Amino acid sequence: HYPLPNSVEAYSQAPGRAGRDGRYSECILLYSRVDAERIRRMLEHDAGGAGYLRMGLKKLLTMTEYCENAGCRRKFLLEYFGEEYNGENCGLCDICDHPPGRADCTDAARLIVGCIQQLPGKFGIELIGNVLRGSKNAKIRKYGFDALPAFGSGKKYSQDQYRSWINDLVRQGYLVRTGDRYPAIGLTGRSIGLQKGRCRVMLPAPENGGA
């Protein structure tokens, strides 16, 4: 698949056709966040109306979640289409064949939750990562987020690392994503328990080997 399909429905058609005769087949998806932004701009300039835009953005968000998901891809697809999959390892997707390294990243997860608690409202992944990394971009200066205790508290990690962790925390139910056009990250009951030290969290291993 290249470029990125704009929905899980569009993506799933080709693997379905490839496997109809029962023979072994492989599906390769080339993913870039740039492609997702290109599709977003196309949707926003389409004349389909607000309902069309909202649905298109929702489907695009789910497609990007699939690409950035650190869990079993088969489970993701089956659950999207209303089916349950309780297996631990499907043996068919790249994640299950070559599981990414995971580590106890509880301290980093608490930094993320603490940052979200301090923000005056719900914001997206990019802003949360920028606050933690101590970015001095215009939006952070404008709203005074550089005065928050969380500002710069996680500067040793990259923006890509925070994207990966926040997406995985959403997948595990420690955070929640809301909104279609401007997805925002919020807290759940599980995230409060995490902040109070009631549990430990395993996340994709950090790039620099420590969390």
N, C-alpha and C. Protein backbone atom coordinates (compact mmCIF):
# COMPACT_ATOMS: atom_id res chain seq x y z
N HIS A 1 0.84 -1.19 0.00
CA HIS A 1 0.00 0.00 0.00
C HIS A 1 0.88 1.25 0.00
N TYR A 2 0.77 2.03 -1.04
CA TYR A 2 1.39 3.34 -1.10
C TYR A 2 0.64 4.14 -2.14
N PRO A 3 0.18 5.34 -1.82
CA PRO A 3 0.30 6.00 -0.53
C PRO A 3 -0.65 5.42 0.50
N LEU A 4 -0.67 6.05 1.66
CA LEU A 4 -1.49 5.59 2.78
C LEU A 4 -2.97 5.57 2.41
N PRO A 5 -3.67 4.45 2.65
CA PRO A 5 -5.14 4.44 2.45
C PRO A 5 -5.79 5.42 3.41
N ASN A 6 -6.92 5.98 3.02
CA ASN A 6 -7.56 6.97 3.89
C ASN A 6 -8.52 6.37 4.90
N SER A 7 -8.65 5.03 4.92
CA SER A 7 -9.52 4.38 5.90
C SER A 7 -9.12 2.92 6.06
N VAL A 8 -9.50 2.33 7.20
CA VAL A 8 -9.25 0.91 7.43
C VAL A 8 -10.02 0.07 6.43
N GLU A 9 -11.22 0.53 6.06
CA GLU A 9 -12.00 -0.21 5.08
C GLU A 9 -11.25 -0.34 3.75
N ALA A 10 -10.68 0.79 3.29
CA ALA A 10 -9.94 0.77 2.03
C ALA A 10 -8.70 -0.11 2.15
N TYR A 11 -8.03 -0.05 3.29
CA TYR A 11 -6.84 -0.85 3.49
C TYR A 11 -7.14 -2.34 3.50
N SER A 12 -8.24 -2.72 4.15
CA SER A 12 -8.52 -4.15 4.37
C SER A 12 -8.96 -4.88 3.10
N GLN A 13 -9.36 -4.15 2.06
CA GLN A 13 -9.83 -4.81 0.85
C GLN A 13 -8.72 -5.60 0.16
N ALA A 14 -7.52 -5.05 0.06
CA ALA A 14 -6.44 -5.74 -0.65
C ALA A 14 -5.98 -7.01 0.05
N PRO A 15 -5.74 -7.00 1.37
CA PRO A 15 -5.39 -8.28 2.02
C PRO A 15 -6.50 -9.32 1.87
N GLY A 16 -7.75 -8.85 1.88
CA GLY A 16 -8.86 -9.78 1.70
C GLY A 16 -8.82 -10.44 0.34
N ARG A 17 -8.55 -9.66 -0.70
CA ARG A 17 -8.46 -10.23 -2.04
C ARG A 17 -7.27 -11.17 -2.16
N ALA A 18 -6.14 -10.78 -1.53
CA ALA A 18 -4.93 -11.60 -1.64
C ALA A 18 -5.12 -12.97 -1.01
N GLY A 19 -5.93 -13.07 0.03
CA GLY A 19 -6.08 -14.34 0.74
C GLY A 19 -7.26 -15.17 0.32
N ARG A 20 -8.01 -14.74 -0.70
CA ARG A 20 -9.23 -15.47 -1.06
C ARG A 20 -8.96 -16.89 -1.56
N ASP A 21 -7.83 -17.10 -2.23
CA ASP A 21 -7.56 -18.43 -2.80
C ASP A 21 -6.87 -19.34 -1.81
N GLY A 22 -6.65 -18.86 -0.59
CA GLY A 22 -6.05 -19.69 0.44
C GLY A 22 -4.54 -19.78 0.39
N ARG A 23 -3.92 -19.09 -0.56
CA ARG A 23 -2.47 -19.14 -0.64
C ARG A 23 -1.84 -18.10 0.28
N TYR A 24 -0.57 -18.35 0.62
CA TYR A 24 0.16 -17.43 1.48
C TYR A 24 0.38 -16.11 0.74
N SER A 25 0.17 -15.02 1.42
CA SER A 25 0.41 -13.70 0.81
C SER A 25 0.90 -12.74 1.89
N GLU A 26 1.56 -11.71 1.47
CA GLU A 26 2.05 -10.69 2.38
C GLU A 26 1.47 -9.34 2.01
N CYS A 27 1.19 -8.54 3.02
CA CYS A 27 0.68 -7.19 2.81
C CYS A 27 1.69 -6.21 3.41
N ILE A 28 2.17 -5.29 2.60
CA ILE A 28 3.14 -4.30 3.06
C ILE A 28 2.52 -2.92 2.96
N LEU A 29 2.56 -2.18 4.05
CA LEU A 29 2.02 -0.82 4.09
C LEU A 29 3.16 0.15 4.38
N LEU A 30 3.36 1.10 3.49
CA LEU A 30 4.37 2.15 3.68
C LEU A 30 3.69 3.35 4.31
N TYR A 31 4.11 3.69 5.52
CA TYR A 31 3.41 4.72 6.29
C TYR A 31 4.31 5.90 6.59
N SER A 32 3.77 7.09 6.42
CA SER A 32 4.44 8.32 6.81
C SER A 32 3.38 9.29 7.33
N ARG A 33 3.70 10.00 8.40
CA ARG A 33 2.77 10.99 8.93
C ARG A 33 2.51 12.10 7.91
N VAL A 34 3.46 12.32 7.00
CA VAL A 34 3.27 13.32 5.95
C VAL A 34 2.08 12.94 5.07
N ASP A 35 1.95 11.65 4.76
CA ASP A 35 0.81 11.19 3.96
C ASP A 35 -0.51 11.44 4.68
N ALA A 36 -0.52 11.20 5.99
CA ALA A 36 -1.74 11.42 6.76
C ALA A 36 -2.13 12.90 6.73
N GLU A 37 -1.15 13.79 6.82
CA GLU A 37 -1.45 15.22 6.77
C GLU A 37 -1.94 15.63 5.39
N ARG A 38 -1.40 14.99 4.35
CA ARG A 38 -1.86 15.28 2.99
C ARG A 38 -3.33 14.91 2.82
N ILE A 39 -3.70 13.72 3.32
CA ILE A 39 -5.09 13.29 3.24
C ILE A 39 -5.99 14.22 4.04
N ARG A 40 -5.52 14.66 5.21
CA ARG A 40 -6.30 15.58 6.04
C ARG A 40 -6.58 16.87 5.26
N ARG A 41 -5.57 17.42 4.60
CA ARG A 41 -5.77 18.66 3.85
C ARG A 41 -6.76 18.46 2.70
N MET A 42 -6.68 17.31 2.04
CA MET A 42 -7.62 17.01 0.96
C MET A 42 -9.05 16.95 1.48
N LEU A 43 -9.23 16.32 2.64
CA LEU A 43 -10.57 16.23 3.23
C LEU A 43 -11.10 17.60 3.60
N GLU A 44 -10.23 18.44 4.15
CA GLU A 44 -10.67 19.76 4.60
C GLU A 44 -11.04 20.67 3.44
N HIS A 45 -10.48 20.40 2.24
CA HIS A 45 -10.78 21.22 1.08
C HIS A 45 -11.86 20.61 0.20
N ASP A 46 -12.35 19.44 0.58
CA ASP A 46 -13.42 18.81 -0.17
C ASP A 46 -14.74 19.51 0.12
N ALA A 47 -15.62 19.50 -0.85
CA ALA A 47 -16.90 20.21 -0.69
C ALA A 47 -18.01 19.30 -0.16
N GLY A 48 -17.66 18.26 0.57
CA GLY A 48 -18.66 17.29 1.00
C GLY A 48 -19.48 17.69 2.20
N GLY A 49 -19.16 18.80 2.85
CA GLY A 49 -19.94 19.23 4.01
C GLY A 49 -19.31 18.78 5.32
N ALA A 50 -19.85 19.33 6.43
CA ALA A 50 -19.28 19.09 7.76
C ALA A 50 -19.36 17.62 8.16
N GLY A 51 -20.49 16.97 7.86
CA GLY A 51 -20.64 15.56 8.22
C GLY A 51 -19.65 14.68 7.49
N TYR A 52 -19.44 14.97 6.21
CA TYR A 52 -18.47 14.22 5.41
C TYR A 52 -17.07 14.40 5.97
N LEU A 53 -16.73 15.64 6.31
CA LEU A 53 -15.40 15.93 6.85
C LEU A 53 -15.18 15.21 8.17
N ARG A 54 -16.16 15.28 9.05
CA ARG A 54 -16.04 14.64 10.36
C ARG A 54 -15.83 13.14 10.23
N MET A 55 -16.61 12.50 9.36
CA MET A 55 -16.48 11.06 9.16
C MET A 55 -15.14 10.71 8.51
N GLY A 56 -14.72 11.51 7.54
CA GLY A 56 -13.44 11.26 6.87
C GLY A 56 -12.27 11.37 7.82
N LEU A 57 -12.29 12.39 8.68
CA LEU A 57 -11.21 12.58 9.65
C LEU A 57 -11.19 11.47 10.69
N LYS A 58 -12.37 11.02 11.08
CA LYS A 58 -12.45 9.92 12.05
C LYS A 58 -11.85 8.64 11.47
N LYS A 59 -12.16 8.36 10.21
CA LYS A 59 -11.62 7.16 9.56
C LYS A 59 -10.11 7.28 9.37
N LEU A 60 -9.65 8.49 9.01
CA LEU A 60 -8.21 8.71 8.85
C LEU A 60 -7.48 8.52 10.18
N LEU A 61 -8.07 9.03 11.26
CA LEU A 61 -7.45 8.88 12.58
C LEU A 61 -7.31 7.40 12.94
N THR A 62 -8.34 6.60 12.67
CA THR A 62 -8.27 5.17 12.96
C THR A 62 -7.20 4.50 12.12
N MET A 63 -7.05 4.94 10.87
CA MET A 63 -6.01 4.36 10.01
C MET A 63 -4.62 4.67 10.54
N THR A 64 -4.41 5.90 11.00
CA THR A 64 -3.10 6.24 11.56
C THR A 64 -2.86 5.53 12.89
N GLU A 65 -3.93 5.32 13.67
CA GLU A 65 -3.79 4.55 14.91
C GLU A 65 -3.35 3.12 14.60
N TYR A 66 -3.90 2.55 13.54
CA TYR A 66 -3.50 1.21 13.13
C TYR A 66 -2.01 1.18 12.79
N CYS A 67 -1.55 2.18 12.07
CA CYS A 67 -0.14 2.21 11.66
C CYS A 67 0.80 2.40 12.84
N GLU A 68 0.39 3.21 13.81
CA GLU A 68 1.26 3.52 14.94
C GLU A 68 1.00 2.62 16.14
N ASN A 69 0.08 1.69 15.99
CA ASN A 69 -0.28 0.77 17.06
C ASN A 69 0.89 -0.15 17.41
N ALA A 70 1.12 -0.34 18.71
CA ALA A 70 2.21 -1.22 19.15
C ALA A 70 1.68 -2.59 19.55
N GLY A 71 0.39 -2.85 19.31
CA GLY A 71 -0.19 -4.15 19.63
C GLY A 71 -0.49 -4.94 18.37
N CYS A 72 -1.04 -6.12 18.55
CA CYS A 72 -1.35 -7.04 17.44
C CYS A 72 -2.24 -6.35 16.40
N ARG A 73 -1.80 -6.38 15.15
CA ARG A 73 -2.57 -5.71 14.09
C ARG A 73 -3.83 -6.50 13.73
N ARG A 74 -3.75 -7.82 13.83
CA ARG A 74 -4.93 -8.63 13.55
C ARG A 74 -6.03 -8.30 14.56
N LYS A 75 -5.66 -8.21 15.82
CA LYS A 75 -6.63 -7.88 16.87
C LYS A 75 -7.27 -6.52 16.59
N PHE A 76 -6.45 -5.56 16.19
CA PHE A 76 -6.94 -4.21 15.89
C PHE A 76 -7.98 -4.27 14.79
N LEU A 77 -7.67 -4.97 13.69
CA LEU A 77 -8.58 -5.03 12.56
C LEU A 77 -9.88 -5.74 12.91
N LEU A 78 -9.77 -6.88 13.59
CA LEU A 78 -10.96 -7.64 13.95
C LEU A 78 -11.88 -6.84 14.87
N GLU A 79 -11.30 -6.17 15.85
CA GLU A 79 -12.11 -5.38 16.77
C GLU A 79 -12.75 -4.18 16.06
N TYR A 80 -12.04 -3.63 15.09
CA TYR A 80 -12.60 -2.51 14.33
C TYR A 80 -13.87 -2.95 13.61
N PHE A 81 -13.87 -4.16 13.09
CA PHE A 81 -15.02 -4.67 12.37
C PHE A 81 -15.99 -5.46 13.26
N GLY A 82 -15.85 -5.30 14.59
CA GLY A 82 -16.83 -5.84 15.51
C GLY A 82 -16.61 -7.28 15.93
N GLU A 83 -15.42 -7.82 15.70
CA GLU A 83 -15.13 -9.19 16.11
C GLU A 83 -14.13 -9.18 17.26
N GLU A 84 -14.15 -10.24 18.05
CA GLU A 84 -13.23 -10.35 19.18
C GLU A 84 -12.07 -11.28 18.83
N TYR A 85 -10.90 -10.93 19.33
CA TYR A 85 -9.73 -11.81 19.18
C TYR A 85 -9.00 -11.80 20.51
N ASN A 86 -8.97 -12.95 21.17
CA ASN A 86 -8.40 -13.03 22.52
C ASN A 86 -7.02 -13.66 22.56
N GLY A 87 -6.46 -13.98 21.40
CA GLY A 87 -5.14 -14.59 21.37
C GLY A 87 -4.05 -13.63 21.79
N GLU A 88 -2.98 -14.18 22.30
CA GLU A 88 -1.84 -13.36 22.72
C GLU A 88 -0.91 -13.05 21.55
N ASN A 89 -0.86 -13.95 20.56
CA ASN A 89 0.06 -13.77 19.44
C ASN A 89 -0.57 -14.39 18.20
N CYS A 90 -0.91 -13.55 17.21
CA CYS A 90 -1.58 -14.07 16.02
C CYS A 90 -0.62 -14.79 15.09
N GLY A 91 0.68 -14.49 15.20
CA GLY A 91 1.67 -15.13 14.34
C GLY A 91 1.60 -14.69 12.89
N LEU A 92 0.85 -13.63 12.61
CA LEU A 92 0.65 -13.20 11.23
C LEU A 92 1.12 -11.77 10.96
N CYS A 93 1.15 -10.93 11.98
CA CYS A 93 1.52 -9.53 11.74
C CYS A 93 2.95 -9.26 12.18
N ASP A 94 3.48 -8.12 11.77
CA ASP A 94 4.86 -7.77 12.09
C ASP A 94 5.08 -7.61 13.58
N ILE A 95 4.06 -7.11 14.30
CA ILE A 95 4.20 -6.91 15.74
C ILE A 95 4.34 -8.24 16.46
N CYS A 96 3.51 -9.21 16.06
CA CYS A 96 3.56 -10.52 16.73
C CYS A 96 4.77 -11.34 16.28
N ASP A 97 5.17 -11.20 15.01
CA ASP A 97 6.35 -11.92 14.52
C ASP A 97 7.64 -11.37 15.11
N HIS A 98 7.69 -10.05 15.25
CA HIS A 98 8.90 -9.39 15.78
C HIS A 98 8.47 -8.37 16.82
N PRO A 99 8.09 -8.84 18.01
CA PRO A 99 7.58 -7.93 19.04
C PRO A 99 8.58 -6.83 19.38
N PRO A 100 8.13 -5.59 19.39
CA PRO A 100 9.03 -4.49 19.77
C PRO A 100 9.42 -4.63 21.23
N GLY A 101 10.62 -4.21 21.54
CA GLY A 101 11.07 -4.27 22.93
C GLY A 101 10.19 -3.40 23.82
N ARG A 102 9.84 -3.91 24.98
CA ARG A 102 9.03 -3.16 25.93
C ARG A 102 9.76 -3.08 27.25
N ALA A 103 9.49 -2.04 27.99
CA ALA A 103 10.18 -1.82 29.26
C ALA A 103 9.22 -1.17 30.25
N ASP A 104 9.58 -1.25 31.51
CA ASP A 104 8.82 -0.58 32.55
C ASP A 104 9.07 0.93 32.40
N CYS A 105 8.09 1.64 31.88
CA CYS A 105 8.20 3.08 31.64
C CYS A 105 7.23 3.86 32.52
N THR A 106 7.02 3.34 33.72
CA THR A 106 6.05 3.96 34.63
C THR A 106 6.39 5.41 34.92
N ASP A 107 7.66 5.71 35.14
CA ASP A 107 8.04 7.09 35.46
C ASP A 107 7.74 8.02 34.29
N ALA A 108 8.03 7.57 33.06
CA ALA A 108 7.73 8.39 31.88
C ALA A 108 6.23 8.55 31.71
N ALA A 109 5.47 7.49 31.97
CA ALA A 109 4.01 7.55 31.86
C ALA A 109 3.45 8.56 32.86
N ARG A 110 4.03 8.60 34.05
CA ARG A 110 3.56 9.56 35.06
C ARG A 110 3.88 10.99 34.64
N LEU A 111 5.01 11.20 33.96
CA LEU A 111 5.33 12.53 33.45
C LEU A 111 4.24 12.98 32.47
N ILE A 112 3.84 12.06 31.59
CA ILE A 112 2.82 12.37 30.59
C ILE A 112 1.49 12.69 31.26
N VAL A 113 1.08 11.84 32.19
CA VAL A 113 -0.19 12.06 32.89
C VAL A 113 -0.15 13.37 33.67
N GLY A 114 0.98 13.64 34.33
CA GLY A 114 1.11 14.87 35.10
C GLY A 114 1.01 16.10 34.22
N CYS A 115 1.60 16.03 33.03
CA CYS A 115 1.53 17.14 32.09
C CYS A 115 0.09 17.39 31.67
N ILE A 116 -0.65 16.33 31.35
CA ILE A 116 -2.03 16.47 30.92
C ILE A 116 -2.89 17.05 32.04
N GLN A 117 -2.60 16.65 33.29
CA GLN A 117 -3.34 17.18 34.43
C GLN A 117 -3.15 18.69 34.57
N GLN A 118 -1.96 19.17 34.24
CA GLN A 118 -1.64 20.59 34.42
C GLN A 118 -2.16 21.48 33.30
N LEU A 119 -2.42 20.91 32.14
CA LEU A 119 -2.89 21.71 31.01
C LEU A 119 -4.33 22.19 31.25
N PRO A 120 -4.65 23.43 30.90
CA PRO A 120 -6.00 23.98 31.13
C PRO A 120 -6.97 23.56 30.03
N GLY A 121 -7.28 22.29 29.96
CA GLY A 121 -8.14 21.77 28.90
C GLY A 121 -7.45 20.61 28.21
N LYS A 122 -8.11 20.10 27.17
CA LYS A 122 -7.56 18.96 26.43
C LYS A 122 -6.82 19.43 25.19
N PHE A 123 -5.64 18.84 24.97
CA PHE A 123 -4.81 19.20 23.83
C PHE A 123 -4.30 17.93 23.16
N GLY A 124 -3.71 18.10 21.98
CA GLY A 124 -3.25 16.97 21.20
C GLY A 124 -1.87 16.46 21.61
N ILE A 125 -1.49 15.36 20.99
CA ILE A 125 -0.21 14.71 21.29
C ILE A 125 0.97 15.65 21.07
N GLU A 126 0.94 16.40 19.96
CA GLU A 126 2.08 17.24 19.63
C GLU A 126 2.35 18.28 20.71
N LEU A 127 1.30 18.92 21.21
CA LEU A 127 1.51 19.95 22.23
C LEU A 127 1.98 19.32 23.54
N ILE A 128 1.41 18.20 23.91
CA ILE A 128 1.84 17.52 25.15
C ILE A 128 3.32 17.20 25.07
N GLY A 129 3.75 16.63 23.93
CA GLY A 129 5.17 16.32 23.77
C GLY A 129 6.04 17.56 23.81
N ASN A 130 5.57 18.64 23.20
CA ASN A 130 6.36 19.88 23.18
C ASN A 130 6.52 20.47 24.58
N VAL A 131 5.47 20.38 25.39
CA VAL A 131 5.57 20.88 26.78
C VAL A 131 6.59 20.04 27.54
N LEU A 132 6.49 18.73 27.44
CA LEU A 132 7.40 17.85 28.17
C LEU A 132 8.85 18.06 27.72
N ARG A 133 9.04 18.36 26.43
CA ARG A 133 10.39 18.52 25.90
C ARG A 133 10.94 19.94 26.11
N GLY A 134 10.10 20.84 26.61
CA GLY A 134 10.56 22.20 26.86
C GLY A 134 10.67 23.04 25.61
N SER A 135 9.81 22.79 24.63
CA SER A 135 9.84 23.56 23.39
C SER A 135 9.39 24.99 23.64
N LYS A 136 10.01 25.92 22.95
CA LYS A 136 9.65 27.33 23.08
C LYS A 136 8.87 27.81 21.87
N ASN A 137 8.06 26.95 21.28
CA ASN A 137 7.32 27.38 20.09
C ASN A 137 6.27 28.43 20.45
N ALA A 138 5.70 29.06 19.42
CA ALA A 138 4.83 30.23 19.62
C ALA A 138 3.60 29.91 20.45
N LYS A 139 2.98 28.74 20.21
CA LYS A 139 1.75 28.40 20.93
C LYS A 139 2.02 28.23 22.41
N ILE A 140 3.12 27.61 22.77
CA ILE A 140 3.45 27.40 24.18
C ILE A 140 3.72 28.74 24.86
N ARG A 141 4.44 29.63 24.18
CA ARG A 141 4.70 30.95 24.76
C ARG A 141 3.42 31.76 24.88
N LYS A 142 2.57 31.69 23.85
CA LYS A 142 1.33 32.47 23.84
C LYS A 142 0.45 32.14 25.03
N TYR A 143 0.32 30.85 25.34
CA TYR A 143 -0.60 30.43 26.41
C TYR A 143 0.10 30.25 27.76
N GLY A 144 1.36 30.55 27.82
CA GLY A 144 2.08 30.48 29.09
C GLY A 144 2.35 29.08 29.59
N PHE A 145 2.36 28.10 28.67
CA PHE A 145 2.60 26.73 29.09
C PHE A 145 4.04 26.50 29.53
N ASP A 146 4.93 27.43 29.21
CA ASP A 146 6.32 27.31 29.66
C ASP A 146 6.46 27.61 31.15
N ALA A 147 5.36 28.01 31.79
CA ALA A 147 5.38 28.25 33.24
C ALA A 147 4.86 27.05 34.02
N LEU A 148 4.39 26.02 33.33
CA LEU A 148 3.87 24.83 34.00
C LEU A 148 5.02 24.03 34.62
N PRO A 149 4.80 23.38 35.77
CA PRO A 149 5.83 22.52 36.35
C PRO A 149 6.29 21.42 35.41
N ALA A 150 5.39 20.96 34.52
CA ALA A 150 5.74 19.87 33.60
C ALA A 150 6.63 20.33 32.47
N PHE A 151 6.75 21.63 32.25
CA PHE A 151 7.51 22.15 31.12
C PHE A 151 8.99 21.73 31.22
N GLY A 152 9.45 20.99 30.21
CA GLY A 152 10.84 20.56 30.18
C GLY A 152 11.15 19.38 31.08
N SER A 153 10.13 18.80 31.73
CA SER A 153 10.39 17.72 32.69
C SER A 153 10.79 16.41 32.00
N GLY A 154 10.52 16.31 30.70
CA GLY A 154 10.89 15.08 29.97
C GLY A 154 11.70 15.39 28.73
N LYS A 155 12.62 16.35 28.83
CA LYS A 155 13.34 16.82 27.65
C LYS A 155 14.30 15.79 27.07
N LYS A 156 14.61 14.72 27.81
CA LYS A 156 15.55 13.73 27.29
C LYS A 156 14.93 12.79 26.27
N TYR A 157 13.61 12.86 26.08
CA TYR A 157 12.94 11.99 25.12
C TYR A 157 12.52 12.79 23.90
N SER A 158 12.44 12.12 22.75
CA SER A 158 12.08 12.78 21.49
C SER A 158 10.57 12.90 21.33
N GLN A 159 10.18 13.72 20.36
CA GLN A 159 8.76 13.87 20.06
C GLN A 159 8.18 12.56 19.54
N ASP A 160 8.93 11.84 18.72
CA ASP A 160 8.48 10.54 18.23
C ASP A 160 8.25 9.56 19.38
N GLN A 161 9.14 9.64 20.39
CA GLN A 161 8.98 8.76 21.54
C GLN A 161 7.69 9.05 22.28
N TYR A 162 7.37 10.33 22.46
CA TYR A 162 6.12 10.68 23.14
C TYR A 162 4.91 10.28 22.32
N ARG A 163 4.97 10.41 21.00
CA ARG A 163 3.86 9.93 20.16
C ARG A 163 3.62 8.44 20.40
N SER A 164 4.70 7.68 20.38
CA SER A 164 4.59 6.23 20.57
C SER A 164 4.01 5.90 21.93
N TRP A 165 4.51 6.54 22.97
CA TRP A 165 4.05 6.25 24.33
C TRP A 165 2.59 6.67 24.54
N ILE A 166 2.24 7.86 24.08
CA ILE A 166 0.87 8.33 24.29
C ILE A 166 -0.12 7.45 23.53
N ASN A 167 0.23 7.07 22.30
CA ASN A 167 -0.64 6.16 21.55
C ASN A 167 -0.80 4.83 22.28
N ASP A 168 0.27 4.33 22.88
CA ASP A 168 0.19 3.05 23.58
C ASP A 168 -0.60 3.20 24.88
N LEU A 169 -0.48 4.32 25.54
CA LEU A 169 -1.26 4.56 26.76
C LEU A 169 -2.75 4.66 26.43
N VAL A 170 -3.07 5.21 25.27
CA VAL A 170 -4.47 5.21 24.81
C VAL A 170 -4.92 3.77 24.57
N ARG A 171 -4.09 2.99 23.90
CA ARG A 171 -4.45 1.60 23.60
C ARG A 171 -4.69 0.80 24.87
N GLN A 172 -3.91 1.08 25.92
CA GLN A 172 -4.04 0.34 27.17
C GLN A 172 -5.12 0.90 28.09
N GLY A 173 -5.73 2.02 27.71
CA GLY A 173 -6.80 2.58 28.52
C GLY A 173 -6.37 3.53 29.61
N TYR A 174 -5.09 3.92 29.62
CA TYR A 174 -4.62 4.88 30.61
C TYR A 174 -4.94 6.32 30.18
N LEU A 175 -5.12 6.52 28.89
CA LEU A 175 -5.52 7.81 28.35
C LEU A 175 -6.65 7.58 27.36
N VAL A 176 -7.33 8.66 26.98
CA VAL A 176 -8.42 8.55 26.00
C VAL A 176 -8.25 9.63 24.95
N ARG A 177 -8.58 9.29 23.72
CA ARG A 177 -8.52 10.26 22.62
C ARG A 177 -9.94 10.65 22.24
N THR A 178 -10.21 11.95 22.14
CA THR A 178 -11.53 12.43 21.76
C THR A 178 -11.41 13.46 20.64
N GLY A 179 -12.48 13.61 19.87
CA GLY A 179 -12.49 14.59 18.78
C GLY A 179 -12.02 13.97 17.48
N ASP A 180 -12.50 14.51 16.37
CA ASP A 180 -12.15 14.01 15.05
C ASP A 180 -11.23 14.98 14.31
N ARG A 181 -11.68 16.20 14.18
CA ARG A 181 -10.87 17.16 13.42
C ARG A 181 -9.60 17.54 14.18
N TYR A 182 -9.72 17.75 15.48
CA TYR A 182 -8.56 18.07 16.31
C TYR A 182 -8.54 17.10 17.49
N PRO A 183 -8.02 15.90 17.30
CA PRO A 183 -8.02 14.89 18.37
C PRO A 183 -7.25 15.38 19.60
N ALA A 184 -7.86 15.22 20.75
CA ALA A 184 -7.25 15.64 22.01
C ALA A 184 -7.11 14.44 22.94
N ILE A 185 -6.15 14.54 23.85
CA ILE A 185 -5.86 13.45 24.78
C ILE A 185 -6.34 13.83 26.17
N GLY A 186 -7.10 12.92 26.81
CA GLY A 186 -7.59 13.16 28.16
C GLY A 186 -7.26 12.02 29.09
N LEU A 187 -7.58 12.19 30.34
CA LEU A 187 -7.29 11.21 31.37
C LEU A 187 -8.46 10.26 31.58
N THR A 188 -8.16 9.10 32.15
CA THR A 188 -9.18 8.12 32.53
C THR A 188 -8.98 7.76 34.00
N GLY A 189 -9.85 6.91 34.50
CA GLY A 189 -9.68 6.43 35.87
C GLY A 189 -8.36 5.68 36.04
N ARG A 190 -7.95 4.98 35.01
CA ARG A 190 -6.69 4.23 35.09
C ARG A 190 -5.49 5.18 35.19
N SER A 191 -5.56 6.31 34.51
CA SER A 191 -4.43 7.24 34.56
C SER A 191 -4.30 7.85 35.95
N ILE A 192 -5.41 8.08 36.61
CA ILE A 192 -5.36 8.61 37.98
C ILE A 192 -4.71 7.58 38.91
N GLY A 193 -5.09 6.30 38.73
CA GLY A 193 -4.47 5.25 39.53
C GLY A 193 -2.98 5.15 39.28
N LEU A 194 -2.57 5.34 38.03
CA LEU A 194 -1.15 5.33 37.68
C LEU A 194 -0.41 6.45 38.40
N GLN A 195 -1.00 7.64 38.38
CA GLN A 195 -0.36 8.79 39.00
C GLN A 195 -0.23 8.61 40.51
N LYS A 196 -1.13 7.84 41.10
CA LYS A 196 -1.09 7.62 42.55
C LYS A 196 -0.22 6.43 42.93
N GLY A 197 0.45 5.83 41.96
CA GLY A 197 1.38 4.75 42.24
C GLY A 197 0.74 3.39 42.45
N ARG A 198 -0.45 3.18 41.90
CA ARG A 198 -1.15 1.92 42.12
C ARG A 198 -0.77 0.84 41.11
N CYS A 199 -0.01 1.19 40.07
CA CYS A 199 0.32 0.20 39.04
C CYS A 199 1.61 0.58 38.34
N ARG A 200 2.16 -0.37 37.59
CA ARG A 200 3.32 -0.16 36.76
C ARG A 200 2.89 -0.31 35.30
N VAL A 201 3.58 0.36 34.39
CA VAL A 201 3.18 0.36 32.98
C VAL A 201 4.33 -0.07 32.08
N MET A 202 4.05 -1.02 31.21
CA MET A 202 5.01 -1.44 30.19
C MET A 202 4.68 -0.73 28.89
N LEU A 203 5.69 -0.08 28.30
CA LEU A 203 5.54 0.67 27.05
C LEU A 203 6.69 0.31 26.12
N PRO A 204 6.61 0.71 24.83
CA PRO A 204 7.75 0.48 23.93
C PRO A 204 9.03 1.02 24.56
N ALA A 205 10.08 0.22 24.48
CA ALA A 205 11.34 0.59 25.13
C ALA A 205 11.83 1.94 24.62
N PRO A 206 12.30 2.82 25.51
CA PRO A 206 12.76 4.14 25.08
C PRO A 206 13.98 4.05 24.18
N GLU A 207 14.13 5.03 23.32
CA GLU A 207 15.22 5.05 22.34
C GLU A 207 16.59 5.08 23.01
N ASN A 208 16.68 5.78 24.15
CA ASN A 208 17.99 5.93 24.80
C ASN A 208 18.26 4.87 25.86
N GLY A 209 17.35 3.88 25.95
CA GLY A 209 17.59 2.75 26.84
C GLY A 209 17.17 2.94 28.28
N GLY A 210 16.64 4.09 28.63
CA GLY A 210 16.21 4.30 30.01
C GLY A 210 14.90 5.02 30.09
N ALA A 211 14.16 4.79 31.17
CA ALA A 211 12.87 5.48 31.34
C ALA A 211 12.71 5.92 32.79
